[in-house]
Amino acid sequence: MSDDNVNRLFTQFKNKYVTVDLRGDYQTEGTIIAIDNYLNLVLENENGLETIKGGNIIFISLKED
């Protein structure tokens, strides 16, 4: 699988509402505004914009509308 394919797979989650499980038993949710190949995220939620480093992410799940 090439880097272009990985990037394309990640970008399909852009503008989707997700729940993100993080290290330290922390969880956040919001709409993915930006995502890169390192899984760094920018989420938009009720608190504004939140930046999450990919190394802290344990699990990302799509939320149903």
C-alpha atoms as a PDB file:
ATOM      1  CA  MET A   1       0.000   0.000   0.000  1.00  0.00           C
ATOM      2  CA  SER A   2       1.485   3.331  -1.005  1.00  0.00           C
ATOM      3  CA  ASP A   3       1.535   6.553   1.035  1.00  0.00           C
ATOM      4  CA  ASP A   4      -1.048   8.040  -1.336  1.00  0.00           C
ATOM      5  CA  ASN A   5      -3.500   5.256  -0.485  1.00  0.00           C
ATOM      6  CA  VAL A   6      -3.021   5.732   3.252  1.00  0.00           C
ATOM      7  CA  ASN A   7      -3.616   9.461   2.882  1.00  0.00           C
ATOM      8  CA  ARG A   8      -6.787   8.818   0.876  1.00  0.00           C
ATOM      9  CA  LEU A   9      -8.073   6.415   3.556  1.00  0.00           C
ATOM     10  CA  PHE A  10      -7.541   8.981   6.308  1.00  0.00           C
ATOM     11  CA  THR A  11      -9.104  11.843   4.376  1.00  0.00           C
ATOM     12  CA  GLN A  12     -12.398   9.932   4.042  1.00  0.00           C
ATOM     13  CA  PHE A  13     -12.967  10.755   7.733  1.00  0.00           C
ATOM     14  CA  LYS A  14     -12.735  14.506   7.160  1.00  0.00           C
ATOM     15  CA  ASN A  15     -15.981  16.312   8.103  1.00  0.00           C
ATOM     16  CA  LYS A  16     -17.258  13.230   9.992  1.00  0.00           C
ATOM     17  CA  TYR A  17     -18.419  13.309  13.612  1.00  0.00           C
ATOM     18  CA  VAL A  18     -16.228  10.964  15.685  1.00  0.00           C
ATOM     19  CA  THR A  19     -15.411   9.851  19.207  1.00  0.00           C
ATOM     20  CA  VAL A  20     -11.676   9.666  19.955  1.00  0.00           C
ATOM     21  CA  ASP A  21     -10.298   7.539  22.809  1.00  0.00           C
ATOM     22  CA  LEU A  22      -6.969   8.853  24.089  1.00  0.00           C
ATOM     23  CA  ARG A  23      -4.240   7.713  26.442  1.00  0.00           C
ATOM     24  CA  GLY A  24      -4.934   8.364  30.100  1.00  0.00           C
ATOM     25  CA  ASP A  25      -8.598   7.294  29.914  1.00  0.00           C
ATOM     26  CA  TYR A  26      -9.594  10.524  28.162  1.00  0.00           C
ATOM     27  CA  GLN A  27     -12.267  10.699  25.485  1.00  0.00           C
ATOM     28  CA  THR A  28     -13.350  13.554  23.242  1.00  0.00           C
ATOM     29  CA  GLU A  29     -15.681  13.935  20.300  1.00  0.00           C
ATOM     30  CA  GLY A  30     -16.263  16.334  17.464  1.00  0.00           C
ATOM     31  CA  THR A  31     -16.089  16.824  13.719  1.00  0.00           C
ATOM     32  CA  ILE A  32     -12.719  16.141  12.069  1.00  0.00           C
ATOM     33  CA  ILE A  33     -11.624  19.357  10.359  1.00  0.00           C
ATOM     34  CA  ALA A  34      -8.115  18.171   9.421  1.00  0.00           C
ATOM     35  CA  ILE A  35      -6.192  14.894   9.517  1.00  0.00           C
ATOM     36  CA  ASP A  36      -2.697  13.918   8.334  1.00  0.00           C
ATOM     37  CA  ASN A  37      -0.699  10.716   7.776  1.00  0.00           C
ATOM     38  CA  TYR A  38       0.427  10.740  11.438  1.00  0.00           C
ATOM     39  CA  LEU A  39      -3.248  10.766  12.555  1.00  0.00           C
ATOM     40  CA  ASN A  40      -2.844  14.237  14.028  1.00  0.00           C
ATOM     41  CA  LEU A  41      -6.380  15.642  14.200  1.00  0.00           C
ATOM     42  CA  VAL A  42      -8.090  18.982  14.444  1.00  0.00           C
ATOM     43  CA  LEU A  43     -11.581  18.520  15.858  1.00  0.00           C
ATOM     44  CA  GLU A  44     -14.348  21.081  16.041  1.00  0.00           C
ATOM     45  CA  ASN A  45     -16.604  20.613  19.066  1.00  0.00           C
ATOM     46  CA  GLU A  46     -18.632  22.644  21.561  1.00  0.00           C
ATOM     47  CA  ASN A  47     -15.373  23.989  23.073  1.00  0.00           C
ATOM     48  CA  GLY A  48     -14.092  25.288  19.712  1.00  0.00           C
ATOM     49  CA  LEU A  49     -11.124  23.719  17.914  1.00  0.00           C
ATOM     50  CA  GLU A  50      -9.108  20.961  19.564  1.00  0.00           C
ATOM     51  CA  THR A  51      -5.749  19.652  18.289  1.00  0.00           C
ATOM     52  CA  ILE A  52      -4.895  16.024  19.051  1.00  0.00           C
ATOM     53  CA  LYS A  53      -1.494  14.443  18.416  1.00  0.00           C
ATOM     54  CA  GLY A  54      -1.742  11.109  16.635  1.00  0.00           C
ATOM     55  CA  GLY A  55       0.562   9.379  19.139  1.00  0.00           C
ATOM     56  CA  ASN A  56      -2.017   9.911  21.893  1.00  0.00           C
ATOM     57  CA  ILE A  57      -4.883   8.298  19.995  1.00  0.00           C
ATOM     58  CA  ILE A  58      -5.938   4.774  20.946  1.00  0.00           C
ATOM     59  CA  PHE A  59      -9.145   4.463  18.938  1.00  0.00           C
ATOM     60  CA  ILE A  60     -11.338   6.555  16.608  1.00  0.00           C
ATOM     61  CA  SER A  61     -14.977   5.631  16.036  1.00  0.00           C
ATOM     62  CA  LEU A  62     -17.577   7.222  13.776  1.00  0.00           C
ATOM     63  CA  LYS A  63     -20.698   8.474  15.555  1.00  0.00           C
ATOM     64  CA  GLU A  64     -24.112   7.794  14.061  1.00  0.00           C
ATOM     65  CA  ASP A  65     -26.273  10.838  13.349  1.00  0.00           C
END
